[in-house]
Amino acid sequence: MTGYVYITTNKKGGTLYTGVTSDLANRVYKHKEGLTLGFTSRYGCTRLVWYEEHFDIHDAICREKAIKNWRRQWKIDLIESINPEWYELYRGMGW
């Protein structure tokens, strides 16, 4: 089963949320609609700014756990390595 690790935020340089899912489009939709209660809805982390696909969900889970333990600046560097302007990636994916 495919898995995705992703980072959402509320604005450039804002609060970061790192998650894992097997259905990225559906998960981001739920974040945007406030259907996922907890951290993302409390802090408004609805903008998808980074994601990574894994062909095995277990690999994605391990990667998510590793990233969650990173320093904030390392996460920012990861985002900016592919998305320096922190553009919303969800809209451009045809979902």
PDB file of N, CA and C in Angstrom:
ATOM      1  N   MET A   1       0.845  -1.183   0.000  1.00  0.00           N
ATOM      2  CA  MET A   1       0.000   0.000   0.000  1.00  0.00           C
ATOM      3  C   MET A   1       0.889   1.246   0.000  1.00  0.00           C
ATOM      4  N   THR A   2       0.546   2.185  -0.853  1.00  0.00           N
ATOM      5  CA  THR A   2       1.272   3.446  -0.946  1.00  0.00           C
ATOM      6  C   THR A   2       0.983   4.310   0.270  1.00  0.00           C
ATOM      7  N   GLY A   3       1.970   5.094   0.674  1.00  0.00           N
ATOM      8  CA  GLY A   3       1.793   6.030   1.772  1.00  0.00           C
ATOM      9  C   GLY A   3       2.423   7.367   1.448  1.00  0.00           C
ATOM     10  N   TYR A   4       1.935   8.389   2.088  1.00  0.00           N
ATOM     11  CA  TYR A   4       2.445   9.749   1.899  1.00  0.00           C
ATOM     12  C   TYR A   4       2.778  10.350   3.250  1.00  0.00           C
ATOM     13  N   VAL A   5       3.905  11.027   3.306  1.00  0.00           N
ATOM     14  CA  VAL A   5       4.243  11.874   4.439  1.00  0.00           C
ATOM     15  C   VAL A   5       4.029  13.291   3.935  1.00  0.00           C
ATOM     16  N   TYR A   6       3.453  14.149   4.756  1.00  0.00           N
ATOM     17  CA  TYR A   6       3.141  15.498   4.288  1.00  0.00           C
ATOM     18  C   TYR A   6       3.295  16.516   5.406  1.00  0.00           C
ATOM     19  N   ILE A   7       3.452  17.760   4.980  1.00  0.00           N
ATOM     20  CA  ILE A   7       3.503  18.872   5.932  1.00  0.00           C
ATOM     21  C   ILE A   7       2.480  19.911   5.495  1.00  0.00           C
ATOM     22  N   THR A   8       1.658  20.333   6.451  1.00  0.00           N
ATOM     23  CA  THR A   8       0.726  21.432   6.225  1.00  0.00           C
ATOM     24  C   THR A   8       1.096  22.578   7.155  1.00  0.00           C
ATOM     25  N   THR A   9       0.602  23.762   6.810  1.00  0.00           N
ATOM     26  CA  THR A   9       0.863  24.953   7.608  1.00  0.00           C
ATOM     27  C   THR A   9      -0.332  25.891   7.516  1.00  0.00           C
ATOM     28  N   ASN A  10      -0.312  26.931   8.314  1.00  0.00           N
ATOM     29  CA  ASN A  10      -1.358  27.952   8.237  1.00  0.00           C
ATOM     30  C   ASN A  10      -0.906  29.162   7.418  1.00  0.00           C
ATOM     31  N   LYS A  11       0.411  29.335   7.259  1.00  0.00           N
ATOM     32  CA  LYS A  11       0.962  30.441   6.460  1.00  0.00           C
ATOM     33  C   LYS A  11       2.461  30.214   6.313  1.00  0.00           C
ATOM     34  N   LYS A  12       3.096  30.920   5.410  1.00  0.00           N
ATOM     35  CA  LYS A  12       4.538  30.801   5.239  1.00  0.00           C
ATOM     36  C   LYS A  12       5.220  31.150   6.561  1.00  0.00           C
ATOM     37  N   GLY A  13       6.064  30.244   7.020  1.00  0.00           N
ATOM     38  CA  GLY A  13       6.761  30.460   8.288  1.00  0.00           C
ATOM     39  C   GLY A  13       5.914  30.209   9.510  1.00  0.00           C
ATOM     40  N   GLY A  14       4.699  29.708   9.314  1.00  0.00           N
ATOM     41  CA  GLY A  14       3.776  29.521  10.434  1.00  0.00           C
ATOM     42  C   GLY A  14       3.903  28.167  11.108  1.00  0.00           C
ATOM     43  N   THR A  15       2.823  27.761  11.730  1.00  0.00           N
ATOM     44  CA  THR A  15       2.761  26.495  12.440  1.00  0.00           C
ATOM     45  C   THR A  15       2.865  25.347  11.439  1.00  0.00           C
ATOM     46  N   LEU A  16       3.623  24.324  11.785  1.00  0.00           N
ATOM     47  CA  LEU A  16       3.814  23.169  10.910  1.00  0.00           C
ATOM     48  C   LEU A  16       3.163  21.934  11.502  1.00  0.00           C
ATOM     49  N   TYR A  17       2.550  21.141  10.633  1.00  0.00           N
ATOM     50  CA  TYR A  17       2.004  19.846  11.039  1.00  0.00           C
ATOM     51  C   TYR A  17       2.540  18.785  10.086  1.00  0.00           C
ATOM     52  N   THR A  18       3.096  17.724  10.625  1.00  0.00           N
ATOM     53  CA  THR A  18       3.596  16.604   9.831  1.00  0.00           C
ATOM     54  C   THR A  18       2.669  15.420  10.044  1.00  0.00           C
ATOM     55  N   GLY A  19       2.229  14.814   8.936  1.00  0.00           N
ATOM     56  CA  GLY A  19       1.321  13.678   9.028  1.00  0.00           C
ATOM     57  C   GLY A  19       1.664  12.601   8.032  1.00  0.00           C
ATOM     58  N   VAL A  20       0.933  11.495   8.124  1.00  0.00           N
ATOM     59  CA  VAL A  20       1.095  10.365   7.209  1.00  0.00           C
ATOM     60  C   VAL A  20      -0.294   9.853   6.845  1.00  0.00           C
ATOM     61  N   THR A  21      -0.437   9.394   5.603  1.00  0.00           N
ATOM     62  CA  THR A  21      -1.725   8.891   5.135  1.00  0.00           C
ATOM     63  C   THR A  21      -1.527   7.995   3.926  1.00  0.00           C
ATOM     64  N   SER A  22      -2.531   7.193   3.648  1.00  0.00           N
ATOM     65  CA  SER A  22      -2.508   6.394   2.420  1.00  0.00           C
ATOM     66  C   SER A  22      -3.303   7.085   1.314  1.00  0.00           C
ATOM     67  N   ASP A  23      -4.034   8.148   1.653  1.00  0.00           N
ATOM     68  CA  ASP A  23      -4.853   8.877   0.679  1.00  0.00           C
ATOM     69  C   ASP A  23      -4.649  10.382   0.903  1.00  0.00           C
ATOM     70  N   LEU A  24      -3.648  10.936   0.240  1.00  0.00           N
ATOM     71  CA  LEU A  24      -3.265  12.326   0.481  1.00  0.00           C
ATOM     72  C   LEU A  24      -4.375  13.306   0.118  1.00  0.00           C
ATOM     73  N   ALA A  25      -4.998  13.125  -1.023  1.00  0.00           N
ATOM     74  CA  ALA A  25      -6.049  14.058  -1.450  1.00  0.00           C
ATOM     75  C   ALA A  25      -7.178  14.116  -0.423  1.00  0.00           C
ATOM     76  N   ASN A  26      -7.622  12.969   0.037  1.00  0.00           N
ATOM     77  CA  ASN A  26      -8.707  12.919   1.009  1.00  0.00           C
ATOM     78  C   ASN A  26      -8.290  13.530   2.339  1.00  0.00           C
ATOM     79  N   ARG A  27      -7.072  13.245   2.784  1.00  0.00           N
ATOM     80  CA  ARG A  27      -6.614  13.783   4.069  1.00  0.00           C
ATOM     81  C   ARG A  27      -6.515  15.302   4.035  1.00  0.00           C
ATOM     82  N   VAL A  28      -5.947  15.841   2.952  1.00  0.00           N
ATOM     83  CA  VAL A  28      -5.815  17.297   2.858  1.00  0.00           C
ATOM     84  C   VAL A  28      -7.199  17.938   2.768  1.00  0.00           C
ATOM     85  N   TYR A  29      -8.099  17.318   2.025  1.00  0.00           N
ATOM     86  CA  TYR A  29      -9.483  17.812   1.955  1.00  0.00           C
ATOM     87  C   TYR A  29     -10.081  17.887   3.363  1.00  0.00           C
ATOM     88  N   LYS A  30      -9.885  16.851   4.163  1.00  0.00           N
ATOM     89  CA  LYS A  30     -10.420  16.843   5.526  1.00  0.00           C
ATOM     90  C   LYS A  30      -9.797  17.949   6.377  1.00  0.00           C
ATOM     91  N   HIS A  31      -8.508  18.194   6.206  1.00  0.00           N
ATOM     92  CA  HIS A  31      -7.875  19.292   6.937  1.00  0.00           C
ATOM     93  C   HIS A  31      -8.504  20.622   6.516  1.00  0.00           C
ATOM     94  N   LYS A  32      -8.681  20.821   5.217  1.00  0.00           N
ATOM     95  CA  LYS A  32      -9.220  22.079   4.709  1.00  0.00           C
ATOM     96  C   LYS A  32     -10.651  22.331   5.173  1.00  0.00           C
ATOM     97  N   GLU A  33     -11.421  21.273   5.279  1.00  0.00           N
ATOM     98  CA  GLU A  33     -12.830  21.408   5.677  1.00  0.00           C
ATOM     99  C   GLU A  33     -13.027  21.357   7.195  1.00  0.00           C
ATOM    100  N   GLY A  34     -11.946  21.226   7.938  1.00  0.00           N
ATOM    101  CA  GLY A  34     -12.045  21.179   9.398  1.00  0.00           C
ATOM    102  C   GLY A  34     -12.640  19.878   9.914  1.00  0.00           C
ATOM    103  N   LEU A  35     -12.548  18.824   9.124  1.00  0.00           N
ATOM    104  CA  LEU A  35     -13.110  17.535   9.506  1.00  0.00           C
ATOM    105  C   LEU A  35     -12.157  16.704  10.354  1.00  0.00           C
ATOM    106  N   THR A  36     -10.901  17.146  10.450  1.00  0.00           N
ATOM    107  CA  THR A  36      -9.904  16.469  11.269  1.00  0.00           C
ATOM    108  C   THR A  36      -9.714  17.291  12.538  1.00  0.00           C
ATOM    109  N   LEU A  37     -10.339  16.860  13.602  1.00  0.00           N
ATOM    110  CA  LEU A  37     -10.258  17.609  14.853  1.00  0.00           C
ATOM    111  C   LEU A  37      -8.890  17.433  15.486  1.00  0.00           C
ATOM    112  N   GLY A  38      -8.480  18.431  16.211  1.00  0.00           N
ATOM    113  CA  GLY A  38      -7.188  18.369  16.894  1.00  0.00           C
ATOM    114  C   GLY A  38      -6.268  19.483  16.452  1.00  0.00           C
ATOM    115  N   PHE A  39      -4.989  19.153  16.338  1.00  0.00           N
ATOM    116  CA  PHE A  39      -3.949  20.140  16.088  1.00  0.00           C
ATOM    117  C   PHE A  39      -4.203  20.952  14.824  1.00  0.00           C
ATOM    118  N   THR A  40      -4.490  20.271  13.709  1.00  0.00           N
ATOM    119  CA  THR A  40      -4.621  21.001  12.436  1.00  0.00           C
ATOM    120  C   THR A  40      -5.803  21.961  12.435  1.00  0.00           C
ATOM    121  N   SER A  41      -6.912  21.552  13.019  1.00  0.00           N
ATOM    122  CA  SER A  41      -8.063  22.460  13.060  1.00  0.00           C
ATOM    123  C   SER A  41      -7.846  23.584  14.078  1.00  0.00           C
ATOM    124  N   ARG A  42      -7.176  23.277  15.172  1.00  0.00           N
ATOM    125  CA  ARG A  42      -6.913  24.293  16.201  1.00  0.00           C
ATOM    126  C   ARG A  42      -5.981  25.388  15.681  1.00  0.00           C
ATOM    127  N   TYR A  43      -4.973  25.003  14.890  1.00  0.00           N
ATOM    128  CA  TYR A  43      -3.983  25.974  14.411  1.00  0.00           C
ATOM    129  C   TYR A  43      -4.167  26.355  12.943  1.00  0.00           C
ATOM    130  N   GLY A  44      -5.194  25.849  12.306  1.00  0.00           N
ATOM    131  CA  GLY A  44      -5.486  26.235  10.928  1.00  0.00           C
ATOM    132  C   GLY A  44      -4.464  25.742   9.913  1.00  0.00           C
ATOM    133  N   CYS A  45      -3.889  24.595  10.148  1.00  0.00           N
ATOM    134  CA  CYS A  45      -2.873  24.037   9.234  1.00  0.00           C
ATOM    135  C   CYS A  45      -3.571  23.352   8.064  1.00  0.00           C
ATOM    136  N   THR A  46      -3.963  24.137   7.083  1.00  0.00           N
ATOM    137  CA  THR A  46      -4.726  23.619   5.953  1.00  0.00           C
ATOM    138  C   THR A  46      -3.982  23.723   4.624  1.00  0.00           C
ATOM    139  N   ARG A  47      -2.823  24.340   4.601  1.00  0.00           N
ATOM    140  CA  ARG A  47      -2.069  24.534   3.357  1.00  0.00           C
ATOM    141  C   ARG A  47      -1.019  23.432   3.214  1.00  0.00           C
ATOM    142  N   LEU A  48      -1.185  22.579   2.209  1.00  0.00           N
ATOM    143  CA  LEU A  48      -0.200  21.533   1.923  1.00  0.00           C
ATOM    144  C   LEU A  48       1.007  22.178   1.261  1.00  0.00           C
ATOM    145  N   VAL A  49       2.168  22.092   1.910  1.00  0.00           N
ATOM    146  CA  VAL A  49       3.371  22.740   1.363  1.00  0.00           C
ATOM    147  C   VAL A  49       4.489  21.754   1.019  1.00  0.00           C
ATOM    148  N   TRP A  50       4.352  20.514   1.458  1.00  0.00           N
ATOM    149  CA  TRP A  50       5.367  19.500   1.149  1.00  0.00           C
ATOM    150  C   TRP A  50       4.743  18.128   1.306  1.00  0.00           C
ATOM    151  N   TYR A  51       5.147  17.205   0.430  1.00  0.00           N
ATOM    152  CA  TYR A  51       4.757  15.806   0.610  1.00  0.00           C
ATOM    153  C   TYR A  51       5.769  14.910  -0.082  1.00  0.00           C
ATOM    154  N   GLU A  52       5.733  13.654   0.304  1.00  0.00           N
ATOM    155  CA  GLU A  52       6.663  12.666  -0.226  1.00  0.00           C
ATOM    156  C   GLU A  52       5.897  11.342  -0.325  1.00  0.00           C
ATOM    157  N   GLU A  53       5.976  10.692  -1.471  1.00  0.00           N
ATOM    158  CA  GLU A  53       5.295   9.409  -1.669  1.00  0.00           C
ATOM    159  C   GLU A  53       6.234   8.250  -1.356  1.00  0.00           C
ATOM    160  N   HIS A  54       5.684   7.243  -0.709  1.00  0.00           N
ATOM    161  CA  HIS A  54       6.415   6.005  -0.415  1.00  0.00           C
ATOM    162  C   HIS A  54       5.589   4.840  -0.941  1.00  0.00           C
ATOM    163  N   PHE A  55       6.254   3.850  -1.474  1.00  0.00           N
ATOM    164  CA  PHE A  55       5.540   2.708  -2.029  1.00  0.00           C
ATOM    165  C   PHE A  55       5.088   1.719  -0.966  1.00  0.00           C
ATOM    166  N   ASP A  56       5.557   1.919   0.242  1.00  0.00           N
ATOM    167  CA  ASP A  56       5.156   1.076   1.373  1.00  0.00           C
ATOM    168  C   ASP A  56       4.740   1.990   2.520  1.00  0.00           C
ATOM    169  N   ILE A  57       3.531   1.814   3.015  1.00  0.00           N
ATOM    170  CA  ILE A  57       3.009   2.662   4.082  1.00  0.00           C
ATOM    171  C   ILE A  57       3.892   2.596   5.329  1.00  0.00           C
ATOM    172  N   HIS A  58       4.514   1.468   5.564  1.00  0.00           N
ATOM    173  CA  HIS A  58       5.383   1.334   6.749  1.00  0.00           C
ATOM    174  C   HIS A  58       6.609   2.247   6.636  1.00  0.00           C
ATOM    175  N   ASP A  59       7.138   2.380   5.419  1.00  0.00           N
ATOM    176  CA  ASP A  59       8.249   3.311   5.197  1.00  0.00           C
ATOM    177  C   ASP A  59       7.795   4.746   5.444  1.00  0.00           C
ATOM    178  N   ALA A  60       6.569   5.063   5.012  1.00  0.00           N
ATOM    179  CA  ALA A  60       6.022   6.412   5.217  1.00  0.00           C
ATOM    180  C   ALA A  60       5.865   6.713   6.703  1.00  0.00           C
ATOM    181  N   ILE A  61       5.403   5.733   7.454  1.00  0.00           N
ATOM    182  CA  ILE A  61       5.225   5.920   8.894  1.00  0.00           C
ATOM    183  C   ILE A  61       6.571   6.166   9.574  1.00  0.00           C
ATOM    184  N   CYS A  62       7.567   5.411   9.186  1.00  0.00           N
ATOM    185  CA  CYS A  62       8.913   5.607   9.765  1.00  0.00           C
ATOM    186  C   CYS A  62       9.460   6.987   9.423  1.00  0.00           C
ATOM    187  N   ARG A  63       9.253   7.417   8.188  1.00  0.00           N
ATOM    188  CA  ARG A  63       9.731   8.741   7.764  1.00  0.00           C
ATOM    189  C   ARG A  63       8.988   9.842   8.535  1.00  0.00           C
ATOM    190  N   GLU A  64       7.691   9.700   8.704  1.00  0.00           N
ATOM    191  CA  GLU A  64       6.917  10.695   9.461  1.00  0.00           C
ATOM    192  C   GLU A  64       7.445  10.817  10.884  1.00  0.00           C
ATOM    193  N   LYS A  65       7.681   9.691  11.521  1.00  0.00           N
ATOM    194  CA  LYS A  65       8.188   9.712  12.898  1.00  0.00           C
ATOM    195  C   LYS A  65       9.543  10.398  12.970  1.00  0.00           C
ATOM    196  N   ALA A  66      10.393  10.143  11.983  1.00  0.00           N
ATOM    197  CA  ALA A  66      11.708  10.785  11.962  1.00  0.00           C
ATOM    198  C   ALA A  66      11.565  12.295  11.802  1.00  0.00           C
ATOM    199  N   ILE A  67      10.744  12.734  10.849  1.00  0.00           N
ATOM    200  CA  ILE A  67      10.567  14.172  10.591  1.00  0.00           C
ATOM    201  C   ILE A  67       9.959  14.864  11.810  1.00  0.00           C
ATOM    202  N   LYS A  68       9.035  14.215  12.478  1.00  0.00           N
ATOM    203  CA  LYS A  68       8.418  14.822  13.672  1.00  0.00           C
ATOM    204  C   LYS A  68       9.454  15.100  14.762  1.00  0.00           C
ATOM    205  N   ASN A  69      10.548  14.368  14.749  1.00  0.00           N
ATOM    206  CA  ASN A  69      11.608  14.582  15.741  1.00  0.00           C
ATOM    207  C   ASN A  69      12.659  15.595  15.291  1.00  0.00           C
ATOM    208  N   TRP A  70      12.542  16.082  14.077  1.00  0.00           N
ATOM    209  CA  TRP A  70      13.495  17.065  13.558  1.00  0.00           C
ATOM    210  C   TRP A  70      13.302  18.419  14.220  1.00  0.00           C
ATOM    211  N   ARG A  71      14.359  19.213  14.171  1.00  0.00           N
ATOM    212  CA  ARG A  71      14.246  20.623  14.562  1.00  0.00           C
ATOM    213  C   ARG A  71      13.385  21.352  13.546  1.00  0.00           C
ATOM    214  N   ARG A  72      12.748  22.411  13.995  1.00  0.00           N
ATOM    215  CA  ARG A  72      11.877  23.200  13.119  1.00  0.00           C
ATOM    216  C   ARG A  72      12.609  23.676  11.867  1.00  0.00           C
ATOM    217  N   GLN A  73      13.823  24.156  12.001  1.00  0.00           N
ATOM    218  CA  GLN A  73      14.561  24.687  10.853  1.00  0.00           C
ATOM    219  C   GLN A  73      14.813  23.604   9.802  1.00  0.00           C
ATOM    220  N   TRP A  74      15.032  22.380  10.232  1.00  0.00           N
ATOM    221  CA  TRP A  74      15.238  21.292   9.266  1.00  0.00           C
ATOM    222  C   TRP A  74      13.962  21.059   8.457  1.00  0.00           C
ATOM    223  N   LYS A  75      12.807  21.182   9.102  1.00  0.00           N
ATOM    224  CA  LYS A  75      11.533  21.017   8.391  1.00  0.00           C
ATOM    225  C   LYS A  75      11.345  22.161   7.396  1.00  0.00           C
ATOM    226  N   ILE A  76      11.675  23.361   7.816  1.00  0.00           N
ATOM    227  CA  ILE A  76      11.586  24.520   6.920  1.00  0.00           C
ATOM    228  C   ILE A  76      12.511  24.318   5.719  1.00  0.00           C
ATOM    229  N   ASP A  77      13.721  23.867   5.968  1.00  0.00           N
ATOM    230  CA  ASP A  77      14.663  23.607   4.875  1.00  0.00           C
ATOM    231  C   ASP A  77      14.113  22.540   3.925  1.00  0.00           C
ATOM    232  N   LEU A  78      13.471  21.528   4.465  1.00  0.00           N
ATOM    233  CA  LEU A  78      12.879  20.470   3.637  1.00  0.00           C
ATOM    234  C   LEU A  78      11.788  21.045   2.743  1.00  0.00           C
ATOM    235  N   ILE A  79      10.900  21.833   3.319  1.00  0.00           N
ATOM    236  CA  ILE A  79       9.834  22.473   2.541  1.00  0.00           C
ATOM    237  C   ILE A  79      10.434  23.336   1.443  1.00  0.00           C
ATOM    238  N   GLU A  80      11.366  24.189   1.825  1.00  0.00           N
ATOM    239  CA  GLU A  80      11.911  25.160   0.877  1.00  0.00           C
ATOM    240  C   GLU A  80      12.822  24.529  -0.177  1.00  0.00           C
ATOM    241  N   SER A  81      13.246  23.284   0.033  1.00  0.00           N
ATOM    242  CA  SER A  81      14.050  22.612  -0.990  1.00  0.00           C
ATOM    243  C   SER A  81      13.233  22.317  -2.240  1.00  0.00           C
ATOM    244  N   ILE A  82      11.901  22.185  -2.095  1.00  0.00           N
ATOM    245  CA  ILE A  82      11.046  21.956  -3.264  1.00  0.00           C
ATOM    246  C   ILE A  82       9.996  23.043  -3.453  1.00  0.00           C
ATOM    247  N   ASN A  83       9.755  23.835  -2.424  1.00  0.00           N
ATOM    248  CA  ASN A  83       8.674  24.811  -2.460  1.00  0.00           C
ATOM    249  C   ASN A  83       9.095  26.082  -1.714  1.00  0.00           C
ATOM    250  N   PRO A  84      10.055  26.840  -2.269  1.00  0.00           N
ATOM    251  CA  PRO A  84      10.616  27.990  -1.540  1.00  0.00           C
ATOM    252  C   PRO A  84       9.599  29.080  -1.196  1.00  0.00           C
ATOM    253  N   GLU A  85       8.535  29.182  -1.937  1.00  0.00           N
ATOM    254  CA  GLU A  85       7.510  30.205  -1.660  1.00  0.00           C
ATOM    255  C   GLU A  85       6.359  29.675  -0.815  1.00  0.00           C
ATOM    256  N   TRP A  86       6.423  28.414  -0.437  1.00  0.00           N
ATOM    257  CA  TRP A  86       5.386  27.773   0.367  1.00  0.00           C
ATOM    258  C   TRP A  86       4.024  27.815  -0.328  1.00  0.00           C
ATOM    259  N   TYR A  87       4.028  27.604  -1.635  1.00  0.00           N
ATOM    260  CA  TYR A  87       2.770  27.584  -2.380  1.00  0.00           C
ATOM    261  C   TYR A  87       1.907  26.411  -1.931  1.00  0.00           C
ATOM    262  N   GLU A  88       0.626  26.573  -2.059  1.00  0.00           N
ATOM    263  CA  GLU A  88      -0.349  25.513  -1.796  1.00  0.00           C
ATOM    264  C   GLU A  88      -0.206  24.455  -2.888  1.00  0.00           C
ATOM    265  N   LEU A  89       0.204  23.255  -2.540  1.00  0.00           N
ATOM    266  CA  LEU A  89       0.425  22.187  -3.520  1.00  0.00           C
ATOM    267  C   LEU A  89      -0.850  21.434  -3.851  1.00  0.00           C
ATOM    268  N   TYR A  90      -1.814  21.455  -3.002  1.00  0.00           N
ATOM    269  CA  TYR A  90      -3.057  20.714  -3.191  1.00  0.00           C
ATOM    270  C   TYR A  90      -3.784  21.122  -4.472  1.00  0.00           C
ATOM    271  N   ARG A  91      -3.856  22.408  -4.734  1.00  0.00           N
ATOM    272  CA  ARG A  91      -4.580  22.912  -5.911  1.00  0.00           C
ATOM    273  C   ARG A  91      -3.933  22.483  -7.216  1.00  0.00           C
ATOM    274  N   GLY A  92      -2.613  22.412  -7.239  1.00  0.00           N
ATOM    275  CA  GLY A  92      -1.916  22.122  -8.483  1.00  0.00           C
ATOM    276  C   GLY A  92      -1.804  20.652  -8.822  1.00  0.00           C
ATOM    277  N   MET A  93      -2.428  19.794  -8.049  1.00  0.00           N
ATOM    278  CA  MET A  93      -2.258  18.374  -8.265  1.00  0.00           C
ATOM    279  C   MET A  93      -3.417  17.730  -9.011  1.00  0.00           C
ATOM    280  N   GLY A  94      -4.397  18.507  -9.421  1.00  0.00           N
ATOM    281  CA  GLY A  94      -5.515  17.967 -10.162  1.00  0.00           C
ATOM    282  C   GLY A  94      -6.478  17.120  -9.349  1.00  0.00           C
ATOM    283  N   TRP A  95      -6.474  17.298  -8.018  1.00  0.00           N
ATOM    284  CA  TRP A  95      -7.384  16.543  -7.171  1.00  0.00           C
ATOM    285  C   TRP A  95      -8.673  17.275  -7.000  1.00  0.00           C
TER     286      TRP A  95
END
